[in-house]
Amino acid sequence: MFDGESIRNPVNEFVYSLPIEKCSNKKLDWMIKNLNANFCKLYGCSVNIVQVQRDYLAEEEREGSLDITTFSVNSIEYFYIKIGTIFELCYQIFEELCKPDRSGAKKKHKLLEEEFERYNKERGETLRLDWYEAISKIRNRIVHGGFSIKAYVEGQRILFQAYDSDLDEQILEDYGYFKKDRNLIHADYYTNFYTRVCHWYVEMFLNFVLHQLGASRSEAGGGENVFSELIKNSSSFLLLGNEPLFRALAVEMDGVAG
């Protein structure tokens, strides 16, 4: 996700590698811009949780009128929705460019699993959907009222869990974001982790789309002369703010998980 201290723009290589005949597609242009915008929103949501912890929970005597619990629930539910939007936009780009055969009412997840399996064998990659299936289950149930997010404040940290109508916990896999010896989840670790996963997925998925088109990264679009290379490089990083904070949290979380 990072090159040095900067966040790679996950759509930049894709844009500059598209075959030139695809670049006049206004619908595709909007999808790509919207994908990038939604990733930025996901990142901002993750950073805001850390910032609120620092600004409102760092002192024993809390100042201000922010309802931390409501903010936390809203932020986490919004985070799930943005991940779902990012996944759908990736698929829409694939559908627009590659026109996949969905005869027999083949579901998009099944179609992608089959395409990813072929792609991984051909390219030696590890593109997969398992990370999204657990997210999708919770996101869909939140939207349709089947699951409820509950947030808690303990000391200087925001924790949460998703529950069904029987109050059974729904997030069970721990990739380093659970509170020790409890089935509660550190909101900052969780959102940081899945922001990085989404960044990985967008880059990997767009490389997969290029492969389906018979193009390779950077060989179809940019790089033809010094000016196109300069233009490409000018948009190769995202300047979103709080990058050192986000990266430090990632290092901290990975250290705990490791």
C-alpha atoms as a PDB file:
ATOM      1  CA  MET A   1       0.000   0.000   0.000  1.00  0.00           C
ATOM      2  CA  PHE A   2       2.891   2.329   0.781  1.00  0.00           C
ATOM      3  CA  ASP A   3       5.890   3.353  -1.280  1.00  0.00           C
ATOM      4  CA  GLY A   4       8.142   5.052   1.198  1.00  0.00           C
ATOM      5  CA  GLU A   5       5.897   7.365   3.184  1.00  0.00           C
ATOM      6  CA  SER A   6       3.231   7.731   0.472  1.00  0.00           C
ATOM      7  CA  ILE A   7       0.125   5.707  -0.377  1.00  0.00           C
ATOM      8  CA  ARG A   8       0.089   4.315  -3.903  1.00  0.00           C
ATOM      9  CA  ASN A   9      -2.859   5.373  -6.020  1.00  0.00           C
ATOM     10  CA  PRO A  10      -4.473   1.935  -6.549  1.00  0.00           C
ATOM     11  CA  VAL A  11      -6.031   2.841  -9.926  1.00  0.00           C
ATOM     12  CA  ASN A  12      -3.161   4.775 -11.479  1.00  0.00           C
ATOM     13  CA  GLU A  13      -1.306   1.898 -13.172  1.00  0.00           C
ATOM     14  CA  PHE A  14      -4.597   0.585 -14.505  1.00  0.00           C
ATOM     15  CA  VAL A  15      -5.566   3.932 -16.042  1.00  0.00           C
ATOM     16  CA  TYR A  16      -2.231   4.313 -17.809  1.00  0.00           C
ATOM     17  CA  SER A  17      -2.228   0.701 -18.999  1.00  0.00           C
ATOM     18  CA  LEU A  18      -5.677   0.627 -20.597  1.00  0.00           C
ATOM     19  CA  PRO A  19      -5.742   0.064 -24.349  1.00  0.00           C
ATOM     20  CA  ILE A  20      -6.231   3.465 -25.965  1.00  0.00           C
ATOM     21  CA  GLU A  21      -9.557   2.484 -27.561  1.00  0.00           C
ATOM     22  CA  LYS A  22     -11.068   1.985 -24.086  1.00  0.00           C
ATOM     23  CA  CYS A  23     -10.149   5.458 -22.845  1.00  0.00           C
ATOM     24  CA  SER A  24     -13.088   7.312 -24.410  1.00  0.00           C
ATOM     25  CA  ASN A  25     -15.649   5.311 -22.453  1.00  0.00           C
ATOM     26  CA  LYS A  26     -17.383   7.890 -20.227  1.00  0.00           C
ATOM     27  CA  LYS A  27     -19.161   5.253 -18.175  1.00  0.00           C
ATOM     28  CA  LEU A  28     -15.848   3.558 -17.436  1.00  0.00           C
ATOM     29  CA  ASP A  29     -14.254   6.913 -16.604  1.00  0.00           C
ATOM     30  CA  TRP A  30     -16.944   7.569 -13.998  1.00  0.00           C
ATOM     31  CA  MET A  31     -16.537   4.086 -12.478  1.00  0.00           C
ATOM     32  CA  ILE A  32     -12.781   4.545 -12.087  1.00  0.00           C
ATOM     33  CA  LYS A  33     -13.142   7.981 -10.515  1.00  0.00           C
ATOM     34  CA  ASN A  34     -15.863   6.695  -8.203  1.00  0.00           C
ATOM     35  CA  LEU A  35     -13.731   3.715  -7.199  1.00  0.00           C
ATOM     36  CA  ASN A  36     -10.852   5.970  -6.245  1.00  0.00           C
ATOM     37  CA  ALA A  37     -13.178   8.340  -4.364  1.00  0.00           C
ATOM     38  CA  ASN A  38     -14.674   5.495  -2.354  1.00  0.00           C
ATOM     39  CA  PHE A  39     -11.259   4.168  -1.404  1.00  0.00           C
ATOM     40  CA  CYS A  40     -10.372   7.648  -0.135  1.00  0.00           C
ATOM     41  CA  LYS A  41     -13.586   7.665   1.938  1.00  0.00           C
ATOM     42  CA  LEU A  42     -12.723   4.257   3.378  1.00  0.00           C
ATOM     43  CA  TYR A  43      -9.262   5.485   4.327  1.00  0.00           C
ATOM     44  CA  GLY A  44     -10.707   8.671   5.841  1.00  0.00           C
ATOM     45  CA  CYS A  45     -13.152   6.674   7.939  1.00  0.00           C
ATOM     46  CA  SER A  46     -10.318   4.543   9.307  1.00  0.00           C
ATOM     47  CA  VAL A  47      -8.160   7.551  10.152  1.00  0.00           C
ATOM     48  CA  ASN A  48     -11.063   9.423  11.764  1.00  0.00           C
ATOM     49  CA  ILE A  49     -11.574   6.617  14.286  1.00  0.00           C
ATOM     50  CA  VAL A  50      -7.944   6.901  15.383  1.00  0.00           C
ATOM     51  CA  GLN A  51      -8.147  10.694  15.501  1.00  0.00           C
ATOM     52  CA  VAL A  52     -11.303  10.690  17.635  1.00  0.00           C
ATOM     53  CA  GLN A  53      -9.646   8.290  20.072  1.00  0.00           C
ATOM     54  CA  ARG A  54      -6.702  10.651  20.375  1.00  0.00           C
ATOM     55  CA  ASP A  55      -8.749  13.840  20.572  1.00  0.00           C
ATOM     56  CA  TYR A  56     -11.554  12.671  22.866  1.00  0.00           C
ATOM     57  CA  LEU A  57     -10.295   9.635  24.789  1.00  0.00           C
ATOM     58  CA  ALA A  58      -6.680  10.524  25.543  1.00  0.00           C
ATOM     59  CA  GLU A  59      -7.564  12.550  28.624  1.00  0.00           C
ATOM     60  CA  GLU A  60      -9.393  11.268  31.696  1.00  0.00           C
ATOM     61  CA  GLU A  61     -11.598  14.357  31.712  1.00  0.00           C
ATOM     62  CA  ARG A  62     -13.191  14.240  28.288  1.00  0.00           C
ATOM     63  CA  GLU A  63     -14.103  17.545  26.757  1.00  0.00           C
ATOM     64  CA  GLY A  64     -16.562  18.254  23.975  1.00  0.00           C
ATOM     65  CA  SER A  65     -20.029  16.955  23.233  1.00  0.00           C
ATOM     66  CA  LEU A  66     -19.302  14.208  20.705  1.00  0.00           C
ATOM     67  CA  ASP A  67     -21.291  11.050  21.405  1.00  0.00           C
ATOM     68  CA  ILE A  68     -18.451   8.553  21.013  1.00  0.00           C
ATOM     69  CA  THR A  69     -20.662   5.476  20.911  1.00  0.00           C
ATOM     70  CA  THR A  70     -22.943   6.850  18.189  1.00  0.00           C
ATOM     71  CA  PHE A  71     -19.956   8.094  16.198  1.00  0.00           C
ATOM     72  CA  SER A  72     -18.335   4.665  16.447  1.00  0.00           C
ATOM     73  CA  VAL A  73     -21.403   2.693  15.355  1.00  0.00           C
ATOM     74  CA  ASN A  74     -22.051   5.072  12.454  1.00  0.00           C
ATOM     75  CA  SER A  75     -18.406   4.959  11.347  1.00  0.00           C
ATOM     76  CA  ILE A  76     -18.181   1.168  11.439  1.00  0.00           C
ATOM     77  CA  GLU A  77     -21.469   0.694   9.557  1.00  0.00           C
ATOM     78  CA  TYR A  78     -20.336   3.276   6.982  1.00  0.00           C
ATOM     79  CA  PHE A  79     -17.022   1.427   6.678  1.00  0.00           C
ATOM     80  CA  TYR A  80     -18.835  -1.791   5.776  1.00  0.00           C
ATOM     81  CA  ILE A  81     -20.948   0.007   3.193  1.00  0.00           C
ATOM     82  CA  LYS A  82     -17.877   1.562   1.544  1.00  0.00           C
ATOM     83  CA  ILE A  83     -16.147  -1.827   1.287  1.00  0.00           C
ATOM     84  CA  GLY A  84     -19.247  -3.166  -0.432  1.00  0.00           C
ATOM     85  CA  THR A  85     -19.274  -0.215  -2.825  1.00  0.00           C
ATOM     86  CA  ILE A  86     -15.596  -0.721  -3.689  1.00  0.00           C
ATOM     87  CA  PHE A  87     -16.191  -4.413  -4.419  1.00  0.00           C
ATOM     88  CA  GLU A  88     -19.195  -3.633  -6.641  1.00  0.00           C
ATOM     89  CA  LEU A  89     -17.350  -0.918  -8.574  1.00  0.00           C
ATOM     90  CA  CYS A  90     -14.484  -3.299  -9.272  1.00  0.00           C
ATOM     91  CA  TYR A  91     -16.941  -5.818 -10.633  1.00  0.00           C
ATOM     92  CA  GLN A  92     -18.711  -3.176 -12.742  1.00  0.00           C
ATOM     93  CA  ILE A  93     -15.386  -2.210 -14.337  1.00  0.00           C
ATOM     94  CA  PHE A  94     -14.737  -5.868 -15.134  1.00  0.00           C
ATOM     95  CA  GLU A  95     -18.229  -6.271 -16.580  1.00  0.00           C
ATOM     96  CA  GLU A  96     -17.980  -3.101 -18.659  1.00  0.00           C
ATOM     97  CA  LEU A  97     -14.612  -3.990 -20.169  1.00  0.00           C
ATOM     98  CA  CYS A  98     -14.617  -7.784 -20.349  1.00  0.00           C
ATOM     99  CA  LYS A  99     -18.311  -8.581 -20.946  1.00  0.00           C
ATOM    100  CA  PRO A 100     -18.227 -11.840 -18.931  1.00  0.00           C
ATOM    101  CA  ASP A 101     -20.578 -14.649 -19.845  1.00  0.00           C
ATOM    102  CA  ARG A 102     -23.199 -14.954 -17.121  1.00  0.00           C
ATOM    103  CA  SER A 103     -25.417 -17.351 -19.009  1.00  0.00           C
ATOM    104  CA  GLY A 104     -27.379 -19.698 -16.820  1.00  0.00           C
ATOM    105  CA  ALA A 105     -27.838 -16.932 -14.233  1.00  0.00           C
ATOM    106  CA  LYS A 106     -24.341 -17.541 -12.881  1.00  0.00           C
ATOM    107  CA  LYS A 107     -23.820 -15.437  -9.776  1.00  0.00           C
ATOM    108  CA  LYS A 108     -21.028 -12.877  -9.888  1.00  0.00           C
ATOM    109  CA  HIS A 109     -19.154 -14.421  -6.949  1.00  0.00           C
ATOM    110  CA  LYS A 110     -19.116 -17.845  -8.592  1.00  0.00           C
ATOM    111  CA  LEU A 111     -18.047 -16.309 -11.898  1.00  0.00           C
ATOM    112  CA  LEU A 112     -15.209 -14.397 -10.255  1.00  0.00           C
ATOM    113  CA  GLU A 113     -14.013 -17.435  -8.329  1.00  0.00           C
ATOM    114  CA  GLU A 114     -13.720 -19.389 -11.571  1.00  0.00           C
ATOM    115  CA  GLU A 115     -11.976 -16.536 -13.382  1.00  0.00           C
ATOM    116  CA  PHE A 116      -9.601 -15.930 -10.467  1.00  0.00           C
ATOM    117  CA  GLU A 117      -8.664 -19.609 -10.370  1.00  0.00           C
ATOM    118  CA  ARG A 118      -7.662 -19.542 -14.045  1.00  0.00           C
ATOM    119  CA  TYR A 119      -5.868 -16.220 -13.654  1.00  0.00           C
ATOM    120  CA  ASN A 120      -3.923 -17.379 -10.594  1.00  0.00           C
ATOM    121  CA  LYS A 121      -2.753 -20.516 -12.402  1.00  0.00           C
ATOM    122  CA  GLU A 122      -1.644 -18.541 -15.456  1.00  0.00           C
ATOM    123  CA  ARG A 123       0.034 -15.703 -13.586  1.00  0.00           C
ATOM    124  CA  GLY A 124       1.064 -17.258 -10.287  1.00  0.00           C
ATOM    125  CA  GLU A 125      -1.061 -14.730  -8.379  1.00  0.00           C
ATOM    126  CA  THR A 126      -3.207 -15.081  -5.249  1.00  0.00           C
ATOM    127  CA  LEU A 127      -6.318 -13.078  -6.121  1.00  0.00           C
ATOM    128  CA  ARG A 128      -9.249 -14.383  -4.097  1.00  0.00           C
ATOM    129  CA  LEU A 129     -12.663 -13.545  -2.645  1.00  0.00           C
ATOM    130  CA  ASP A 130     -12.592 -15.231   0.757  1.00  0.00           C
ATOM    131  CA  TRP A 131     -11.674 -11.968   2.512  1.00  0.00           C
ATOM    132  CA  TYR A 132     -14.818 -10.310   1.168  1.00  0.00           C
ATOM    133  CA  GLU A 133     -17.293 -13.087   1.941  1.00  0.00           C
ATOM    134  CA  ALA A 134     -17.201 -12.451   5.700  1.00  0.00           C
ATOM    135  CA  ILE A 135     -17.413  -8.694   5.143  1.00  0.00           C
ATOM    136  CA  SER A 136     -20.301  -9.098   2.707  1.00  0.00           C
ATOM    137  CA  LYS A 137     -22.293 -11.237   5.137  1.00  0.00           C
ATOM    138  CA  ILE A 138     -22.149  -8.563   7.818  1.00  0.00           C
ATOM    139  CA  ARG A 139     -22.595  -5.637   5.427  1.00  0.00           C
ATOM    140  CA  ASN A 140     -25.742  -7.164   3.905  1.00  0.00           C
ATOM    141  CA  ARG A 141     -27.268  -7.957   7.276  1.00  0.00           C
ATOM    142  CA  ILE A 142     -26.543  -4.446   8.554  1.00  0.00           C
ATOM    143  CA  VAL A 143     -28.235  -2.886   5.533  1.00  0.00           C
ATOM    144  CA  HIS A 144     -31.292  -5.152   5.820  1.00  0.00           C
ATOM    145  CA  GLY A 145     -31.595  -4.977   9.604  1.00  0.00           C
ATOM    146  CA  GLY A 146     -30.472  -8.496  10.462  1.00  0.00           C
ATOM    147  CA  PHE A 147     -27.311  -7.594  12.381  1.00  0.00           C
ATOM    148  CA  SER A 148     -26.576  -4.800  14.828  1.00  0.00           C
ATOM    149  CA  ILE A 149     -23.221  -3.135  15.499  1.00  0.00           C
ATOM    150  CA  LYS A 150     -22.577  -2.375  19.155  1.00  0.00           C
ATOM    151  CA  ALA A 151     -19.691  -0.107  20.165  1.00  0.00           C
ATOM    152  CA  TYR A 152     -17.931   0.186  23.507  1.00  0.00           C
ATOM    153  CA  VAL A 153     -15.389   2.571  24.978  1.00  0.00           C
ATOM    154  CA  GLU A 154     -12.706   1.072  27.196  1.00  0.00           C
ATOM    155  CA  GLY A 155     -10.060   3.478  28.383  1.00  0.00           C
ATOM    156  CA  GLN A 156      -8.642   5.186  25.312  1.00  0.00           C
ATOM    157  CA  ARG A 157      -9.905   2.664  22.751  1.00  0.00           C
ATOM    158  CA  ILE A 158     -13.109   2.074  20.790  1.00  0.00           C
ATOM    159  CA  LEU A 159     -14.212  -1.552  20.559  1.00  0.00           C
ATOM    160  CA  PHE A 160     -17.135  -3.173  18.760  1.00  0.00           C
ATOM    161  CA  GLN A 161     -18.799  -6.400  17.713  1.00  0.00           C
ATOM    162  CA  ALA A 162     -21.616  -7.388  15.342  1.00  0.00           C
ATOM    163  CA  TYR A 163     -24.576  -9.287  16.815  1.00  0.00           C
ATOM    164  CA  ASP A 164     -27.584 -11.112  15.419  1.00  0.00           C
ATOM    165  CA  SER A 165     -31.062 -11.023  16.972  1.00  0.00           C
ATOM    166  CA  ASP A 166     -30.011 -13.650  19.539  1.00  0.00           C
ATOM    167  CA  LEU A 167     -27.008 -11.493  20.513  1.00  0.00           C
ATOM    168  CA  ASP A 168     -24.593 -14.055  19.107  1.00  0.00           C
ATOM    169  CA  GLU A 169     -21.268 -12.567  18.019  1.00  0.00           C
ATOM    170  CA  GLN A 170     -20.787 -12.555  14.242  1.00  0.00           C
ATOM    171  CA  ILE A 171     -17.147 -11.534  13.743  1.00  0.00           C
ATOM    172  CA  LEU A 172     -15.142 -14.577  14.781  1.00  0.00           C
ATOM    173  CA  GLU A 173     -11.937 -14.563  12.721  1.00  0.00           C
ATOM    174  CA  ASP A 174      -9.105 -12.633  14.326  1.00  0.00           C
ATOM    175  CA  TYR A 175      -6.368 -11.188  12.109  1.00  0.00           C
ATOM    176  CA  GLY A 176      -4.808  -9.277  14.965  1.00  0.00           C
ATOM    177  CA  TYR A 177      -7.642  -6.903  15.802  1.00  0.00           C
ATOM    178  CA  PHE A 178      -9.379  -8.702  18.706  1.00  0.00           C
ATOM    179  CA  LYS A 179      -8.957  -7.522  22.272  1.00  0.00           C
ATOM    180  CA  LYS A 180      -6.917 -10.103  24.159  1.00  0.00           C
ATOM    181  CA  ASP A 181      -9.037 -12.892  25.674  1.00  0.00           C
ATOM    182  CA  ARG A 182     -12.308 -11.292  24.536  1.00  0.00           C
ATOM    183  CA  ASN A 183     -14.476 -11.396  21.420  1.00  0.00           C
ATOM    184  CA  LEU A 184     -14.462  -7.618  21.138  1.00  0.00           C
ATOM    185  CA  ILE A 185     -12.639  -5.926  18.296  1.00  0.00           C
ATOM    186  CA  HIS A 186     -10.393  -2.871  18.307  1.00  0.00           C
ATOM    187  CA  ALA A 187     -12.102  -0.567  15.809  1.00  0.00           C
ATOM    188  CA  ASP A 188      -8.869   1.176  14.801  1.00  0.00           C
ATOM    189  CA  TYR A 189      -7.029  -2.095  14.112  1.00  0.00           C
ATOM    190  CA  TYR A 190     -10.001  -3.579  12.234  1.00  0.00           C
ATOM    191  CA  THR A 191     -10.559  -0.626   9.917  1.00  0.00           C
ATOM    192  CA  ASN A 192      -6.830  -0.188   9.328  1.00  0.00           C
ATOM    193  CA  PHE A 193      -6.483  -3.871   8.419  1.00  0.00           C
ATOM    194  CA  TYR A 194      -9.389  -3.919   5.963  1.00  0.00           C
ATOM    195  CA  THR A 195      -8.397  -0.612   4.380  1.00  0.00           C
ATOM    196  CA  ARG A 196      -5.094  -2.253   3.508  1.00  0.00           C
ATOM    197  CA  VAL A 197      -6.873  -5.376   2.263  1.00  0.00           C
ATOM    198  CA  CYS A 198      -9.124  -3.244   0.040  1.00  0.00           C
ATOM    199  CA  HIS A 199      -6.113  -1.417  -1.397  1.00  0.00           C
ATOM    200  CA  TRP A 200      -4.512  -4.782  -2.202  1.00  0.00           C
ATOM    201  CA  TYR A 201      -7.714  -6.047  -3.783  1.00  0.00           C
ATOM    202  CA  VAL A 202      -8.253  -2.988  -6.000  1.00  0.00           C
ATOM    203  CA  GLU A 203      -4.694  -3.164  -7.353  1.00  0.00           C
ATOM    204  CA  MET A 204      -4.835  -6.924  -7.848  1.00  0.00           C
ATOM    205  CA  PHE A 205      -8.301  -6.889  -9.378  1.00  0.00           C
ATOM    206  CA  LEU A 206      -7.446  -4.176 -11.890  1.00  0.00           C
ATOM    207  CA  ASN A 207      -4.334  -6.132 -12.904  1.00  0.00           C
ATOM    208  CA  PHE A 208      -6.650  -9.100 -13.448  1.00  0.00           C
ATOM    209  CA  VAL A 209      -8.895  -6.966 -15.693  1.00  0.00           C
ATOM    210  CA  LEU A 210      -5.884  -5.875 -17.746  1.00  0.00           C
ATOM    211  CA  HIS A 211      -4.889  -9.514 -18.141  1.00  0.00           C
ATOM    212  CA  GLN A 212      -8.389 -10.357 -19.366  1.00  0.00           C
ATOM    213  CA  LEU A 213      -8.036  -7.586 -21.953  1.00  0.00           C
ATOM    214  CA  GLY A 214      -4.662  -8.885 -23.087  1.00  0.00           C
ATOM    215  CA  ALA A 215      -2.854  -5.801 -21.764  1.00  0.00           C
ATOM    216  CA  SER A 216      -0.065  -5.489 -19.217  1.00  0.00           C
ATOM    217  CA  ARG A 217       0.657  -2.829 -16.664  1.00  0.00           C
ATOM    218  CA  SER A 218       2.082   0.358 -18.215  1.00  0.00           C
ATOM    219  CA  GLU A 219       2.705  -1.164 -21.631  1.00  0.00           C
ATOM    220  CA  ALA A 220      -0.491  -0.023 -23.362  1.00  0.00           C
ATOM    221  CA  GLY A 221      -0.891   3.551 -22.164  1.00  0.00           C
ATOM    222  CA  GLY A 222       1.787   5.623 -20.462  1.00  0.00           C
ATOM    223  CA  GLY A 223       5.545   5.432 -20.785  1.00  0.00           C
ATOM    224  CA  GLU A 224       5.691   6.245 -24.487  1.00  0.00           C
ATOM    225  CA  ASN A 225       7.597   9.482 -23.925  1.00  0.00           C
ATOM    226  CA  VAL A 226       8.935  11.633 -21.135  1.00  0.00           C
ATOM    227  CA  PHE A 227       5.784  13.765 -20.936  1.00  0.00           C
ATOM    228  CA  SER A 228       3.363  10.862 -20.574  1.00  0.00           C
ATOM    229  CA  GLU A 229       5.678   9.335 -17.971  1.00  0.00           C
ATOM    230  CA  LEU A 230       5.690  12.600 -15.989  1.00  0.00           C
ATOM    231  CA  ILE A 231       1.896  12.818 -16.138  1.00  0.00           C
ATOM    232  CA  LYS A 232       1.569   9.225 -15.006  1.00  0.00           C
ATOM    233  CA  ASN A 233       3.978   9.706 -12.104  1.00  0.00           C
ATOM    234  CA  SER A 234       2.216  12.888 -10.988  1.00  0.00           C
ATOM    235  CA  SER A 235      -0.864  10.863 -10.033  1.00  0.00           C
ATOM    236  CA  SER A 236       0.869   7.746  -8.754  1.00  0.00           C
ATOM    237  CA  PHE A 237       0.357   8.618  -5.071  1.00  0.00           C
ATOM    238  CA  LEU A 238      -2.621   9.706  -2.995  1.00  0.00           C
ATOM    239  CA  LEU A 239      -2.168  12.652  -0.655  1.00  0.00           C
ATOM    240  CA  LEU A 240      -4.878  11.920   1.893  1.00  0.00           C
ATOM    241  CA  GLY A 241      -3.439  13.262   5.135  1.00  0.00           C
ATOM    242  CA  ASN A 242      -2.430  11.430   8.320  1.00  0.00           C
ATOM    243  CA  GLU A 243      -0.351   8.896   6.378  1.00  0.00           C
ATOM    244  CA  PRO A 244       2.247   8.624   9.216  1.00  0.00           C
ATOM    245  CA  LEU A 245      -0.578   7.970  11.705  1.00  0.00           C
ATOM    246  CA  PHE A 246      -2.160   5.288   9.518  1.00  0.00           C
ATOM    247  CA  ARG A 247       1.157   3.597   8.785  1.00  0.00           C
ATOM    248  CA  ALA A 248       2.265   3.659  12.430  1.00  0.00           C
ATOM    249  CA  LEU A 249      -0.979   1.961  13.438  1.00  0.00           C
ATOM    250  CA  ALA A 250      -0.464  -0.705  10.756  1.00  0.00           C
ATOM    251  CA  VAL A 251       3.039  -1.424  12.090  1.00  0.00           C
ATOM    252  CA  GLU A 252       1.739  -1.517  15.656  1.00  0.00           C
ATOM    253  CA  MET A 253      -1.111  -3.877  14.739  1.00  0.00           C
ATOM    254  CA  ASP A 254       1.117  -6.202  12.735  1.00  0.00           C
ATOM    255  CA  GLY A 255       3.546  -6.297  15.652  1.00  0.00           C
ATOM    256  CA  VAL A 256       0.752  -7.323  18.023  1.00  0.00           C
ATOM    257  CA  ALA A 257      -0.592  -9.902  15.561  1.00  0.00           C
ATOM    258  CA  GLY A 258       2.882 -11.263  14.865  1.00  0.00           C
END
